[in-house]
Full PDB file with SEQRES, HELIX, SHEET, SSBOND, CRYST1, ORIGX, SCALE, CONECT and MASTER records, all heavy atoms in Angstrom:
SEQRES   1 A   42  PHE ASP CYS TRP TYR LYS PRO PHE GLY CYS VAL HIS ALA          
SEQRES   2 A   42  CYS PRO LYS GLN LYS LEU LYS GLN HIS LEU ILE LEU LYS          
SEQRES   3 A   42  LEU LYS PHE HIS PHE ASP LEU VAL VAL LYS PHE VAL ASP          
SEQRES   4 A   42  SER LEU LYS                                                  
HELIX    1 AA1 LYS A    6  PHE A    8  5                                   3    
HELIX    2 AA2 LYS A   16  LEU A   25  1                                  10    
HELIX    3 AA3 LEU A   27  LEU A   41  1                                  15    
CRYST1    1.000    1.000    1.000  90.00  90.00  90.00 P 1           1          
ORIGX1      1.000000  0.000000  0.000000        0.00000                         
ORIGX2      0.000000  1.000000  0.000000        0.00000                         
ORIGX3      0.000000  0.000000  1.000000        0.00000                         
SCALE1      1.000000  0.000000  0.000000        0.00000                         
SCALE2      0.000000  1.000000  0.000000        0.00000                         
SCALE3      0.000000  0.000000  1.000000        0.00000                         
ATOM      1  N   PHE A   1       0.851  -1.182   0.000  1.00  0.00           N  
ATOM      2  CA  PHE A   1       0.000   0.000   0.000  1.00  0.00           C  
ATOM      3  C   PHE A   1       0.886   1.230   0.000  1.00  0.00           C  
ATOM      4  O   PHE A   1       1.882   1.291   0.724  1.00  0.00           O  
ATOM      5  CB  PHE A   1      -0.914   0.016   1.235  1.00  0.00           C  
ATOM      6  CG  PHE A   1      -2.012  -0.999   1.176  1.00  0.00           C  
ATOM      7  CD1 PHE A   1      -1.781  -2.321   1.545  1.00  0.00           C  
ATOM      8  CD2 PHE A   1      -3.275  -0.634   0.748  1.00  0.00           C  
ATOM      9  CE1 PHE A   1      -2.795  -3.260   1.485  1.00  0.00           C  
ATOM     10  CE2 PHE A   1      -4.294  -1.575   0.686  1.00  0.00           C  
ATOM     11  CZ  PHE A   1      -4.053  -2.897   1.050  1.00  0.00           C  
ATOM     12  N   ASP A   2       0.513   2.225  -0.802  1.00  0.00           N  
ATOM     13  CA  ASP A   2       1.249   3.480  -0.816  1.00  0.00           C  
ATOM     14  C   ASP A   2       0.987   4.240   0.473  1.00  0.00           C  
ATOM     15  O   ASP A   2      -0.099   4.145   1.062  1.00  0.00           O  
ATOM     16  CB  ASP A   2       0.816   4.346  -1.999  1.00  0.00           C  
ATOM     17  CG  ASP A   2       1.290   3.780  -3.330  1.00  0.00           C  
ATOM     18  OD1 ASP A   2       2.351   3.125  -3.357  1.00  0.00           O  
ATOM     19  OD2 ASP A   2       0.589   3.990  -4.336  1.00  0.00           O  
ATOM     20  N   CYS A   3       1.959   5.008   0.885  1.00  0.00           N  
ATOM     21  CA  CYS A   3       1.806   5.875   2.053  1.00  0.00           C  
ATOM     22  C   CYS A   3       0.683   6.876   1.778  1.00  0.00           C  
ATOM     23  O   CYS A   3       0.492   7.323   0.647  1.00  0.00           O  
ATOM     24  CB  CYS A   3       3.115   6.616   2.310  1.00  0.00           C  
ATOM     25  SG  CYS A   3       3.003   7.837   3.633  1.00  0.00           S  
ATOM     26  N   TRP A   4      -0.047   7.231   2.824  1.00  0.00           N  
ATOM     27  CA  TRP A   4      -1.140   8.202   2.687  1.00  0.00           C  
ATOM     28  C   TRP A   4      -0.627   9.551   2.198  1.00  0.00           C  
ATOM     29  O   TRP A   4      -1.379  10.363   1.663  1.00  0.00           O  
ATOM     30  CB  TRP A   4      -1.842   8.407   4.022  1.00  0.00           C  
ATOM     31  CG  TRP A   4      -2.558   7.209   4.549  1.00  0.00           C  
ATOM     32  CD1 TRP A   4      -2.771   6.016   3.916  1.00  0.00           C  
ATOM     33  CD2 TRP A   4      -3.173   7.084   5.823  1.00  0.00           C  
ATOM     34  NE1 TRP A   4      -3.469   5.161   4.719  1.00  0.00           N  
ATOM     35  CE2 TRP A   4      -3.738   5.792   5.913  1.00  0.00           C  
ATOM     36  CE3 TRP A   4      -3.299   7.927   6.911  1.00  0.00           C  
ATOM     37  CZ2 TRP A   4      -4.411   5.338   7.035  1.00  0.00           C  
ATOM     38  CZ3 TRP A   4      -3.964   7.481   8.038  1.00  0.00           C  
ATOM     39  CH2 TRP A   4      -4.529   6.194   8.095  1.00  0.00           C  
ATOM     40  N   TYR A   5       0.666   9.806   2.373  1.00  0.00           N  
ATOM     41  CA  TYR A   5       1.249  11.090   2.005  1.00  0.00           C  
ATOM     42  C   TYR A   5       1.941  11.044   0.642  1.00  0.00           C  
ATOM     43  O   TYR A   5       2.738  11.908   0.313  1.00  0.00           O  
ATOM     44  CB  TYR A   5       2.223  11.558   3.094  1.00  0.00           C  
ATOM     45  CG  TYR A   5       1.495  11.926   4.355  1.00  0.00           C  
ATOM     46  CD1 TYR A   5       1.205  10.972   5.332  1.00  0.00           C  
ATOM     47  CD2 TYR A   5       1.056  13.229   4.572  1.00  0.00           C  
ATOM     48  CE1 TYR A   5       0.516  11.305   6.483  1.00  0.00           C  
ATOM     49  CE2 TYR A   5       0.362  13.571   5.715  1.00  0.00           C  
ATOM     50  CZ  TYR A   5       0.090  12.599   6.671  1.00  0.00           C  
ATOM     51  OH  TYR A   5      -0.593  12.938   7.795  1.00  0.00           O  
ATOM     52  N   LYS A   6       1.605  10.064  -0.175  1.00  0.00           N  
ATOM     53  CA  LYS A   6       2.175   9.954  -1.521  1.00  0.00           C  
ATOM     54  C   LYS A   6       1.903  11.210  -2.355  1.00  0.00           C  
ATOM     55  O   LYS A   6       2.802  11.704  -3.037  1.00  0.00           O  
ATOM     56  CB  LYS A   6       1.649   8.712  -2.237  1.00  0.00           C  
ATOM     57  CG  LYS A   6       2.285   8.514  -3.600  1.00  0.00           C  
ATOM     58  CD  LYS A   6       1.819   7.253  -4.273  1.00  0.00           C  
ATOM     59  CE  LYS A   6       2.529   7.108  -5.614  1.00  0.00           C  
ATOM     60  NZ  LYS A   6       2.194   5.849  -6.257  1.00  0.00           N  
ATOM     61  N   PRO A   7       0.683  11.780  -2.301  1.00  0.00           N  
ATOM     62  CA  PRO A   7       0.438  12.999  -3.092  1.00  0.00           C  
ATOM     63  C   PRO A   7       1.345  14.170  -2.701  1.00  0.00           C  
ATOM     64  O   PRO A   7       1.523  15.107  -3.467  1.00  0.00           O  
ATOM     65  CB  PRO A   7      -1.028  13.348  -2.790  1.00  0.00           C  
ATOM     66  CG  PRO A   7      -1.634  12.074  -2.308  1.00  0.00           C  
ATOM     67  CD  PRO A   7      -0.536  11.316  -1.637  1.00  0.00           C  
ATOM     68  N   PHE A   8       1.949  14.106  -1.509  1.00  0.00           N  
ATOM     69  CA  PHE A   8       2.814  15.183  -1.045  1.00  0.00           C  
ATOM     70  C   PHE A   8       4.293  14.865  -1.259  1.00  0.00           C  
ATOM     71  O   PHE A   8       5.152  15.681  -0.971  1.00  0.00           O  
ATOM     72  CB  PHE A   8       2.554  15.471   0.426  1.00  0.00           C  
ATOM     73  CG  PHE A   8       1.127  15.850   0.693  1.00  0.00           C  
ATOM     74  CD1 PHE A   8       0.241  14.935   1.237  1.00  0.00           C  
ATOM     75  CD2 PHE A   8       0.659  17.120   0.396  1.00  0.00           C  
ATOM     76  CE1 PHE A   8      -1.082  15.276   1.470  1.00  0.00           C  
ATOM     77  CE2 PHE A   8      -0.661  17.470   0.623  1.00  0.00           C  
ATOM     78  CZ  PHE A   8      -1.530  16.549   1.158  1.00  0.00           C  
ATOM     79  N   GLY A   9       4.600  13.623  -1.706  1.00  0.00           N  
ATOM     80  CA  GLY A   9       5.984  13.290  -2.021  1.00  0.00           C  
ATOM     81  C   GLY A   9       6.575  12.082  -1.317  1.00  0.00           C  
ATOM     82  O   GLY A   9       7.713  11.725  -1.584  1.00  0.00           O  
ATOM     83  N   CYS A  10       5.866  11.433  -0.429  1.00  0.00           N  
ATOM     84  CA  CYS A  10       6.395  10.238   0.234  1.00  0.00           C  
ATOM     85  C   CYS A  10       6.256   9.050  -0.711  1.00  0.00           C  
ATOM     86  O   CYS A  10       5.167   8.749  -1.194  1.00  0.00           O  
ATOM     87  CB  CYS A  10       5.672   9.939   1.549  1.00  0.00           C  
ATOM     88  SG  CYS A  10       6.386   8.549   2.451  1.00  0.00           S  
ATOM     89  N   VAL A  11       7.348   8.367  -0.981  1.00  0.00           N  
ATOM     90  CA  VAL A  11       7.331   7.266  -1.942  1.00  0.00           C  
ATOM     91  C   VAL A  11       7.323   5.899  -1.261  1.00  0.00           C  
ATOM     92  O   VAL A  11       7.468   4.878  -1.918  1.00  0.00           O  
ATOM     93  CB  VAL A  11       8.542   7.358  -2.905  1.00  0.00           C  
ATOM     94  CG1 VAL A  11       8.435   8.596  -3.766  1.00  0.00           C  
ATOM     95  CG2 VAL A  11       9.848   7.328  -2.135  1.00  0.00           C  
ATOM     96  N   HIS A  12       7.112   5.866   0.035  1.00  0.00           N  
ATOM     97  CA  HIS A  12       7.131   4.609   0.787  1.00  0.00           C  
ATOM     98  C   HIS A  12       5.902   3.752   0.461  1.00  0.00           C  
ATOM     99  O   HIS A  12       4.791   4.253   0.348  1.00  0.00           O  
ATOM    100  CB  HIS A  12       7.162   4.906   2.285  1.00  0.00           C  
ATOM    101  CG  HIS A  12       7.279   3.695   3.141  1.00  0.00           C  
ATOM    102  ND1 HIS A  12       8.474   3.066   3.365  1.00  0.00           N  
ATOM    103  CD2 HIS A  12       6.355   2.993   3.832  1.00  0.00           C  
ATOM    104  CE1 HIS A  12       8.284   2.028   4.148  1.00  0.00           C  
ATOM    105  NE2 HIS A  12       7.007   1.961   4.454  1.00  0.00           N  
ATOM    106  N   ALA A  13       6.143   2.462   0.292  1.00  0.00           N  
ATOM    107  CA  ALA A  13       5.057   1.490   0.120  1.00  0.00           C  
ATOM    108  C   ALA A  13       5.384   0.302   1.024  1.00  0.00           C  
ATOM    109  O   ALA A  13       6.539  -0.092   1.145  1.00  0.00           O  
ATOM    110  CB  ALA A  13       4.948   1.048  -1.324  1.00  0.00           C  
ATOM    111  N   CYS A  14       4.355  -0.247   1.674  1.00  0.00           N  
ATOM    112  CA  CYS A  14       4.575  -1.359   2.591  1.00  0.00           C  
ATOM    113  C   CYS A  14       3.278  -2.158   2.742  1.00  0.00           C  
ATOM    114  O   CYS A  14       2.213  -1.690   2.353  1.00  0.00           O  
ATOM    115  CB  CYS A  14       5.042  -0.843   3.944  1.00  0.00           C  
ATOM    116  SG  CYS A  14       3.868   0.242   4.778  1.00  0.00           S  
ATOM    117  N   PRO A  15       3.370  -3.359   3.331  1.00  0.00           N  
ATOM    118  CA  PRO A  15       2.148  -4.117   3.602  1.00  0.00           C  
ATOM    119  C   PRO A  15       1.235  -3.337   4.555  1.00  0.00           C  
ATOM    120  O   PRO A  15       1.705  -2.522   5.362  1.00  0.00           O  
ATOM    121  CB  PRO A  15       2.658  -5.401   4.270  1.00  0.00           C  
ATOM    122  CG  PRO A  15       4.079  -5.508   3.855  1.00  0.00           C  
ATOM    123  CD  PRO A  15       4.571  -4.103   3.687  1.00  0.00           C  
ATOM    124  N   LYS A  16      -0.044  -3.581   4.455  1.00  0.00           N  
ATOM    125  CA  LYS A  16      -1.040  -2.854   5.246  1.00  0.00           C  
ATOM    126  C   LYS A  16      -0.736  -2.897   6.745  1.00  0.00           C  
ATOM    127  O   LYS A  16      -0.904  -1.902   7.448  1.00  0.00           O  
ATOM    128  CB  LYS A  16      -2.426  -3.434   4.968  1.00  0.00           C  
ATOM    129  CG  LYS A  16      -3.567  -2.638   5.540  1.00  0.00           C  
ATOM    130  CD  LYS A  16      -4.895  -3.237   5.113  1.00  0.00           C  
ATOM    131  CE  LYS A  16      -6.052  -2.379   5.581  1.00  0.00           C  
ATOM    132  NZ  LYS A  16      -7.336  -2.909   5.116  1.00  0.00           N  
ATOM    133  N   GLN A  17      -0.239  -4.043   7.223  1.00  0.00           N  
ATOM    134  CA  GLN A  17       0.041  -4.206   8.653  1.00  0.00           C  
ATOM    135  C   GLN A  17       1.150  -3.277   9.146  1.00  0.00           C  
ATOM    136  O   GLN A  17       1.229  -2.987  10.325  1.00  0.00           O  
ATOM    137  CB  GLN A  17       0.458  -5.655   8.976  1.00  0.00           C  
ATOM    138  CG  GLN A  17      -0.569  -6.694   8.694  1.00  0.00           C  
ATOM    139  CD  GLN A  17      -0.505  -7.202   7.254  1.00  0.00           C  
ATOM    140  OE1 GLN A  17      -0.121  -6.507   6.329  1.00  0.00           O  
ATOM    141  NE2 GLN A  17      -0.928  -8.442   7.063  1.00  0.00           N  
ATOM    142  N   LYS A  18       2.016  -2.818   8.251  1.00  0.00           N  
ATOM    143  CA  LYS A  18       3.146  -1.973   8.658  1.00  0.00           C  
ATOM    144  C   LYS A  18       2.920  -0.494   8.337  1.00  0.00           C  
ATOM    145  O   LYS A  18       3.752   0.340   8.669  1.00  0.00           O  
ATOM    146  CB  LYS A  18       4.425  -2.470   8.007  1.00  0.00           C  
ATOM    147  CG  LYS A  18       4.782  -3.866   8.476  1.00  0.00           C  
ATOM    148  CD  LYS A  18       6.199  -4.188   8.208  1.00  0.00           C  
ATOM    149  CE  LYS A  18       6.476  -5.587   8.764  1.00  0.00           C  
ATOM    150  NZ  LYS A  18       7.808  -5.738   9.237  1.00  0.00           N  
ATOM    151  N   LEU A  19       1.814  -0.175   7.717  1.00  0.00           N  
ATOM    152  CA  LEU A  19       1.556   1.208   7.322  1.00  0.00           C  
ATOM    153  C   LEU A  19       1.399   2.122   8.535  1.00  0.00           C  
ATOM    154  O   LEU A  19       1.952   3.223   8.571  1.00  0.00           O  
ATOM    155  CB  LEU A  19       0.319   1.281   6.422  1.00  0.00           C  
ATOM    156  CG  LEU A  19       0.026   2.633   5.793  1.00  0.00           C  
ATOM    157  CD1 LEU A  19       1.210   3.138   4.973  1.00  0.00           C  
ATOM    158  CD2 LEU A  19      -1.211   2.557   4.920  1.00  0.00           C  
ATOM    159  N   LYS A  20       0.683   1.670   9.554  1.00  0.00           N  
ATOM    160  CA  LYS A  20       0.485   2.490  10.761  1.00  0.00           C  
ATOM    161  C   LYS A  20       1.831   2.828  11.403  1.00  0.00           C  
ATOM    162  O   LYS A  20       2.076   3.961  11.803  1.00  0.00           O  
ATOM    163  CB  LYS A  20      -0.414   1.753  11.755  1.00  0.00           C  
ATOM    164  CG  LYS A  20      -0.687   2.520  13.015  1.00  0.00           C  
ATOM    165  CD  LYS A  20      -1.619   1.755  13.936  1.00  0.00           C  
ATOM    166  CE  LYS A  20      -1.835   2.503  15.233  1.00  0.00           C  
ATOM    167  NZ  LYS A  20      -2.668   1.760  16.164  1.00  0.00           N  
ATOM    168  N   GLN A  21       2.708   1.838  11.474  1.00  0.00           N  
ATOM    169  CA  GLN A  21       4.038   2.051  12.059  1.00  0.00           C  
ATOM    170  C   GLN A  21       4.806   3.104  11.256  1.00  0.00           C  
ATOM    171  O   GLN A  21       5.427   3.996  11.826  1.00  0.00           O  
ATOM    172  CB  GLN A  21       4.796   0.737  12.089  1.00  0.00           C  
ATOM    173  CG  GLN A  21       6.194   0.843  12.651  1.00  0.00           C  
ATOM    174  CD  GLN A  21       6.953  -0.473  12.568  1.00  0.00           C  
ATOM    175  OE1 GLN A  21       6.490  -1.429  11.981  1.00  0.00           O  
ATOM    176  NE2 GLN A  21       8.127  -0.502  13.154  1.00  0.00           N  
ATOM    177  N   HIS A  22       4.748   3.021   9.937  1.00  0.00           N  
ATOM    178  CA  HIS A  22       5.413   4.011   9.088  1.00  0.00           C  
ATOM    179  C   HIS A  22       4.852   5.409   9.346  1.00  0.00           C  
ATOM    180  O   HIS A  22       5.616   6.373   9.476  1.00  0.00           O  
ATOM    181  CB  HIS A  22       5.241   3.639   7.608  1.00  0.00           C  
ATOM    182  CG  HIS A  22       5.598   4.747   6.665  1.00  0.00           C  
ATOM    183  ND1 HIS A  22       6.893   5.138   6.413  1.00  0.00           N  
ATOM    184  CD2 HIS A  22       4.803   5.572   5.930  1.00  0.00           C  
ATOM    185  CE1 HIS A  22       6.886   6.146   5.559  1.00  0.00           C  
ATOM    186  NE2 HIS A  22       5.634   6.426   5.253  1.00  0.00           N  
ATOM    187  N   LEU A  23       3.533   5.527   9.412  1.00  0.00           N  
ATOM    188  CA  LEU A  23       2.908   6.835   9.635  1.00  0.00           C  
ATOM    189  C   LEU A  23       3.333   7.436  10.963  1.00  0.00           C  
ATOM    190  O   LEU A  23       3.568   8.639  11.066  1.00  0.00           O  
ATOM    191  CB  LEU A  23       1.385   6.710   9.559  1.00  0.00           C  
ATOM    192  CG  LEU A  23       0.833   6.344   8.174  1.00  0.00           C  
ATOM    193  CD1 LEU A  23      -0.655   6.025   8.262  1.00  0.00           C  
ATOM    194  CD2 LEU A  23       1.105   7.440   7.166  1.00  0.00           C  
ATOM    195  N   ILE A  24       3.472   6.614  11.989  1.00  0.00           N  
ATOM    196  CA  ILE A  24       3.892   7.103  13.308  1.00  0.00           C  
ATOM    197  C   ILE A  24       5.359   7.512  13.287  1.00  0.00           C  
ATOM    198  O   ILE A  24       5.720   8.591  13.755  1.00  0.00           O  
ATOM    199  CB  ILE A  24       3.632   6.035  14.388  1.00  0.00           C  
ATOM    200  CG1 ILE A  24       2.128   5.857  14.593  1.00  0.00           C  
ATOM    201  CG2 ILE A  24       4.310   6.406  15.705  1.00  0.00           C  
ATOM    202  CD1 ILE A  24       1.755   4.648  15.432  1.00  0.00           C  
ATOM    203  N   LEU A  25       6.209   6.648  12.748  1.00  0.00           N  
ATOM    204  CA  LEU A  25       7.645   6.918  12.763  1.00  0.00           C  
ATOM    205  C   LEU A  25       8.033   8.107  11.892  1.00  0.00           C  
ATOM    206  O   LEU A  25       9.016   8.785  12.167  1.00  0.00           O  
ATOM    207  CB  LEU A  25       8.423   5.680  12.314  1.00  0.00           C  
ATOM    208  CG  LEU A  25       8.417   4.505  13.272  1.00  0.00           C  
ATOM    209  CD1 LEU A  25       9.154   3.310  12.672  1.00  0.00           C  
ATOM    210  CD2 LEU A  25       9.044   4.890  14.601  1.00  0.00           C  
ATOM    211  N   LYS A  26       7.298   8.369  10.853  1.00  0.00           N  
ATOM    212  CA  LYS A  26       7.646   9.433   9.902  1.00  0.00           C  
ATOM    213  C   LYS A  26       6.736  10.653  10.028  1.00  0.00           C  
ATOM    214  O   LYS A  26       6.555  11.397   9.062  1.00  0.00           O  
ATOM    215  CB  LYS A  26       7.588   8.897   8.470  1.00  0.00           C  
ATOM    216  CG  LYS A  26       8.622   7.834   8.193  1.00  0.00           C  
ATOM    217  CD  LYS A  26      10.009   8.418   8.303  1.00  0.00           C  
ATOM    218  CE  LYS A  26      11.062   7.419   7.926  1.00  0.00           C  
ATOM    219  NZ  LYS A  26      12.386   8.012   7.936  1.00  0.00           N  
ATOM    220  N   LEU A  27       6.181  10.875  11.201  1.00  0.00           N  
ATOM    221  CA  LEU A  27       5.242  11.978  11.414  1.00  0.00           C  
ATOM    222  C   LEU A  27       5.862  13.322  11.042  1.00  0.00           C  
ATOM    223  O   LEU A  27       5.279  14.097  10.276  1.00  0.00           O  
ATOM    224  CB  LEU A  27       4.764  11.988  12.866  1.00  0.00           C  
ATOM    225  CG  LEU A  27       3.716  13.016  13.220  1.00  0.00           C  
ATOM    226  CD1 LEU A  27       2.425  12.720  12.473  1.00  0.00           C  
ATOM    227  CD2 LEU A  27       3.453  13.013  14.712  1.00  0.00           C  
ATOM    228  N   LYS A  28       7.051  13.625  11.528  1.00  0.00           N  
ATOM    229  CA  LYS A  28       7.687  14.908  11.225  1.00  0.00           C  
ATOM    230  C   LYS A  28       8.000  15.018   9.733  1.00  0.00           C  
ATOM    231  O   LYS A  28       7.791  16.061   9.118  1.00  0.00           O  
ATOM    232  CB  LYS A  28       8.957  15.097  12.038  1.00  0.00           C  
ATOM    233  CG  LYS A  28       9.597  16.463  11.798  1.00  0.00           C  
ATOM    234  CD  LYS A  28      10.847  16.652  12.588  1.00  0.00           C  
ATOM    235  CE  LYS A  28      11.512  17.992  12.384  1.00  0.00           C  
ATOM    236  NZ  LYS A  28      11.308  18.710  11.190  1.00  0.00           N  
ATOM    237  N   PHE A  29       8.504  13.947   9.140  1.00  0.00           N  
ATOM    238  CA  PHE A  29       8.804  13.935   7.709  1.00  0.00           C  
ATOM    239  C   PHE A  29       7.550  14.255   6.905  1.00  0.00           C  
ATOM    240  O   PHE A  29       7.573  15.084   5.988  1.00  0.00           O  
ATOM    241  CB  PHE A  29       9.378  12.571   7.312  1.00  0.00           C  
ATOM    242  CG  PHE A  29       9.543  12.388   5.838  1.00  0.00           C  
ATOM    243  CD1 PHE A  29      10.517  13.087   5.138  1.00  0.00           C  
ATOM    244  CD2 PHE A  29       8.728  11.509   5.130  1.00  0.00           C  
ATOM    245  CE1 PHE A  29      10.680  12.917   3.763  1.00  0.00           C  
ATOM    246  CE2 PHE A  29       8.890  11.327   3.768  1.00  0.00           C  
ATOM    247  CZ  PHE A  29       9.861  12.037   3.085  1.00  0.00           C  
ATOM    248  N   HIS A  30       6.430  13.619   7.257  1.00  0.00           N  
ATOM    249  CA  HIS A  30       5.168  13.865   6.548  1.00  0.00           C  
ATOM    250  C   HIS A  30       4.689  15.302   6.752  1.00  0.00           C  
ATOM    251  O   HIS A  30       4.212  15.949   5.814  1.00  0.00           O  
ATOM    252  CB  HIS A  30       4.097  12.869   6.991  1.00  0.00           C  
ATOM    253  CG  HIS A  30       4.386  11.469   6.555  1.00  0.00           C  
ATOM    254  ND1 HIS A  30       4.117  10.390   7.357  1.00  0.00           N  
ATOM    255  CD2 HIS A  30       4.931  10.964   5.419  1.00  0.00           C  
ATOM    256  CE1 HIS A  30       4.478   9.288   6.727  1.00  0.00           C  
ATOM    257  NE2 HIS A  30       4.976   9.612   5.546  1.00  0.00           N  
ATOM    258  N   PHE A  31       4.811  15.794   7.960  1.00  0.00           N  
ATOM    259  CA  PHE A  31       4.414  17.176   8.247  1.00  0.00           C  
ATOM    260  C   PHE A  31       5.235  18.140   7.385  1.00  0.00           C  
ATOM    261  O   PHE A  31       4.690  19.077   6.781  1.00  0.00           O  
ATOM    262  CB  PHE A  31       4.597  17.481   9.735  1.00  0.00           C  
ATOM    263  CG  PHE A  31       4.227  18.881  10.106  1.00  0.00           C  
ATOM    264  CD1 PHE A  31       2.900  19.256  10.220  1.00  0.00           C  
ATOM    265  CD2 PHE A  31       5.205  19.837  10.325  1.00  0.00           C  
ATOM    266  CE1 PHE A  31       2.544  20.551  10.560  1.00  0.00           C  
ATOM    267  CE2 PHE A  31       4.864  21.129  10.663  1.00  0.00           C  
ATOM    268  CZ  PHE A  31       3.533  21.486  10.776  1.00  0.00           C  
ATOM    269  N   ASP A  32       6.548  17.897   7.305  1.00  0.00           N  
ATOM    270  CA  ASP A  32       7.415  18.754   6.499  1.00  0.00           C  
ATOM    271  C   ASP A  32       7.030  18.700   5.016  1.00  0.00           C  
ATOM    272  O   ASP A  32       7.079  19.715   4.317  1.00  0.00           O  
ATOM    273  CB  ASP A  32       8.882  18.370   6.681  1.00  0.00           C  
ATOM    274  CG  ASP A  32       9.403  18.702   8.071  1.00  0.00           C  
ATOM    275  OD1 ASP A  32       8.769  19.516   8.775  1.00  0.00           O  
ATOM    276  OD2 ASP A  32      10.449  18.137   8.458  1.00  0.00           O  
ATOM    277  N   LEU A  33       6.653  17.508   4.531  1.00  0.00           N  
ATOM    278  CA  LEU A  33       6.213  17.389   3.135  1.00  0.00           C  
ATOM    279  C   LEU A  33       4.967  18.231   2.878  1.00  0.00           C  
ATOM    280  O   LEU A  33       4.865  18.908   1.848  1.00  0.00           O  
ATOM    281  CB  LEU A  33       5.905  15.927   2.784  1.00  0.00           C  
ATOM    282  CG  LEU A  33       7.080  14.989   2.571  1.00  0.00           C  
ATOM    283  CD1 LEU A  33       6.579  13.565   2.345  1.00  0.00           C  
ATOM    284  CD2 LEU A  33       7.928  15.442   1.399  1.00  0.00           C  
ATOM    285  N   VAL A  34       4.013  18.191   3.803  1.00  0.00           N  
ATOM    286  CA  VAL A  34       2.773  18.959   3.635  1.00  0.00           C  
ATOM    287  C   VAL A  34       3.067  20.458   3.673  1.00  0.00           C  
ATOM    288  O   VAL A  34       2.543  21.222   2.849  1.00  0.00           O  
ATOM    289  CB  VAL A  34       1.730  18.560   4.697  1.00  0.00           C  
ATOM    290  CG1 VAL A  34       0.525  19.478   4.658  1.00  0.00           C  
ATOM    291  CG2 VAL A  34       1.300  17.110   4.508  1.00  0.00           C  
ATOM    292  N   VAL A  35       3.923  20.886   4.590  1.00  0.00           N  
ATOM    293  CA  VAL A  35       4.290  22.302   4.680  1.00  0.00           C  
ATOM    294  C   VAL A  35       4.953  22.760   3.380  1.00  0.00           C  
ATOM    295  O   VAL A  35       4.627  23.821   2.836  1.00  0.00           O  
ATOM    296  CB  VAL A  35       5.213  22.555   5.895  1.00  0.00           C  
ATOM    297  CG1 VAL A  35       5.829  23.938   5.846  1.00  0.00           C  
ATOM    298  CG2 VAL A  35       4.442  22.370   7.191  1.00  0.00           C  
ATOM    299  N   LYS A  36       5.863  21.937   2.864  1.00  0.00           N  
ATOM    300  CA  LYS A  36       6.535  22.259   1.605  1.00  0.00           C  
ATOM    301  C   LYS A  36       5.530  22.350   0.454  1.00  0.00           C  
ATOM    302  O   LYS A  36       5.598  23.253  -0.379  1.00  0.00           O  
ATOM    303  CB  LYS A  36       7.580  21.180   1.318  1.00  0.00           C  
ATOM    304  CG  LYS A  36       8.500  21.454   0.189  1.00  0.00           C  
ATOM    305  CD  LYS A  36       9.537  20.335   0.093  1.00  0.00           C  
ATOM    306  CE  LYS A  36      10.402  20.468  -1.113  1.00  0.00           C  
ATOM    307  NZ  LYS A  36      11.372  19.371  -1.213  1.00  0.00           N  
ATOM    308  N   PHE A  37       4.566  21.442   0.431  1.00  0.00           N  
ATOM    309  CA  PHE A  37       3.540  21.433  -0.605  1.00  0.00           C  
ATOM    310  C   PHE A  37       2.681  22.698  -0.526  1.00  0.00           C  
ATOM    311  O   PHE A  37       2.396  23.338  -1.541  1.00  0.00           O  
ATOM    312  CB  PHE A  37       2.672  20.177  -0.456  1.00  0.00           C  
ATOM    313  CG  PHE A  37       1.613  20.037  -1.503  1.00  0.00           C  
ATOM    314  CD1 PHE A  37       1.917  19.624  -2.788  1.00  0.00           C  
ATOM    315  CD2 PHE A  37       0.286  20.326  -1.204  1.00  0.00           C  
ATOM    316  CE1 PHE A  37       0.936  19.494  -3.759  1.00  0.00           C  
ATOM    317  CE2 PHE A  37      -0.702  20.201  -2.157  1.00  0.00           C  
ATOM    318  CZ  PHE A  37      -0.378  19.787  -3.442  1.00  0.00           C  
ATOM    319  N   VAL A  38       2.282  23.062   0.676  1.00  0.00           N  
ATOM    320  CA  VAL A  38       1.462  24.272   0.869  1.00  0.00           C  
ATOM    321  C   VAL A  38       2.242  25.507   0.442  1.00  0.00           C  
ATOM    322  O   VAL A  38       1.701  26.405  -0.216  1.00  0.00           O  
ATOM    323  CB  VAL A  38       0.974  24.377   2.331  1.00  0.00           C  
ATOM    324  CG1 VAL A  38       0.365  25.733   2.616  1.00  0.00           C  
ATOM    325  CG2 VAL A  38      -0.022  23.271   2.643  1.00  0.00           C  
ATOM    326  N   ASP A  39       3.532  25.553   0.788  1.00  0.00           N  
ATOM    327  CA  ASP A  39       4.362  26.687   0.368  1.00  0.00           C  
ATOM    328  C   ASP A  39       4.440  26.792  -1.151  1.00  0.00           C  
ATOM    329  O   ASP A  39       4.352  27.886  -1.713  1.00  0.00           O  
ATOM    330  CB  ASP A  39       5.777  26.573   0.955  1.00  0.00           C  
ATOM    331  CG  ASP A  39       5.815  26.882   2.434  1.00  0.00           C  
ATOM    332  OD1 ASP A  39       4.844  27.483   2.955  1.00  0.00           O  
ATOM    333  OD2 ASP A  39       6.817  26.515   3.081  1.00  0.00           O  
ATOM    334  N   SER A  40       4.571  25.647  -1.830  1.00  0.00           N  
ATOM    335  CA  SER A  40       4.633  25.685  -3.300  1.00  0.00           C  
ATOM    336  C   SER A  40       3.291  26.132  -3.883  1.00  0.00           C  
ATOM    337  O   SER A  40       3.254  26.840  -4.889  1.00  0.00           O  
ATOM    338  CB  SER A  40       5.059  24.336  -3.871  1.00  0.00           C  
ATOM    339  OG  SER A  40       4.051  23.383  -3.704  1.00  0.00           O  
ATOM    340  N   LEU A  41       2.180  25.736  -3.255  1.00  0.00           N  
ATOM    341  CA  LEU A  41       0.866  26.203  -3.715  1.00  0.00           C  
ATOM    342  C   LEU A  41       0.738  27.717  -3.554  1.00  0.00           C  
ATOM    343  O   LEU A  41       0.216  28.402  -4.432  1.00  0.00           O  
ATOM    344  CB  LEU A  41      -0.259  25.506  -2.947  1.00  0.00           C  
ATOM    345  CG  LEU A  41      -0.538  24.052  -3.295  1.00  0.00           C  
ATOM    346  CD1 LEU A  41      -1.637  23.499  -2.387  1.00  0.00           C  
ATOM    347  CD2 LEU A  41      -0.947  23.912  -4.744  1.00  0.00           C  
ATOM    348  N   LYS A  42       1.220  28.242  -2.421  1.00  0.00           N  
ATOM    349  CA  LYS A  42       1.184  29.694  -2.187  1.00  0.00           C  
ATOM    350  C   LYS A  42       1.971  30.427  -3.264  1.00  0.00           C  
ATOM    351  O   LYS A  42       1.524  31.454  -3.792  1.00  0.00           O  
ATOM    352  CB  LYS A  42       1.771  30.036  -0.821  1.00  0.00           C  
ATOM    353  CG  LYS A  42       0.861  29.734   0.341  1.00  0.00           C  
ATOM    354  CD  LYS A  42       1.546  30.123   1.634  1.00  0.00           C  
ATOM    355  CE  LYS A  42       0.727  29.796   2.838  1.00  0.00           C  
ATOM    356  NZ  LYS A  42       1.431  30.130   4.098  1.00  0.00           N  
TER     357      LYS A  42                                                      
MASTER        0    0    0    3    0    0    0    6  356    1    0    4          
END                                                                             
């Protein structure tokens, strides 16, 4: 399954059982991707 943050630039894919762990461990990385995306939209 693709990471929920794929539209923002995260290219991680993993089995469904490990997706929650990825989302928790990469919280700051995902937040930074969204901030960068919003800045580019601005």
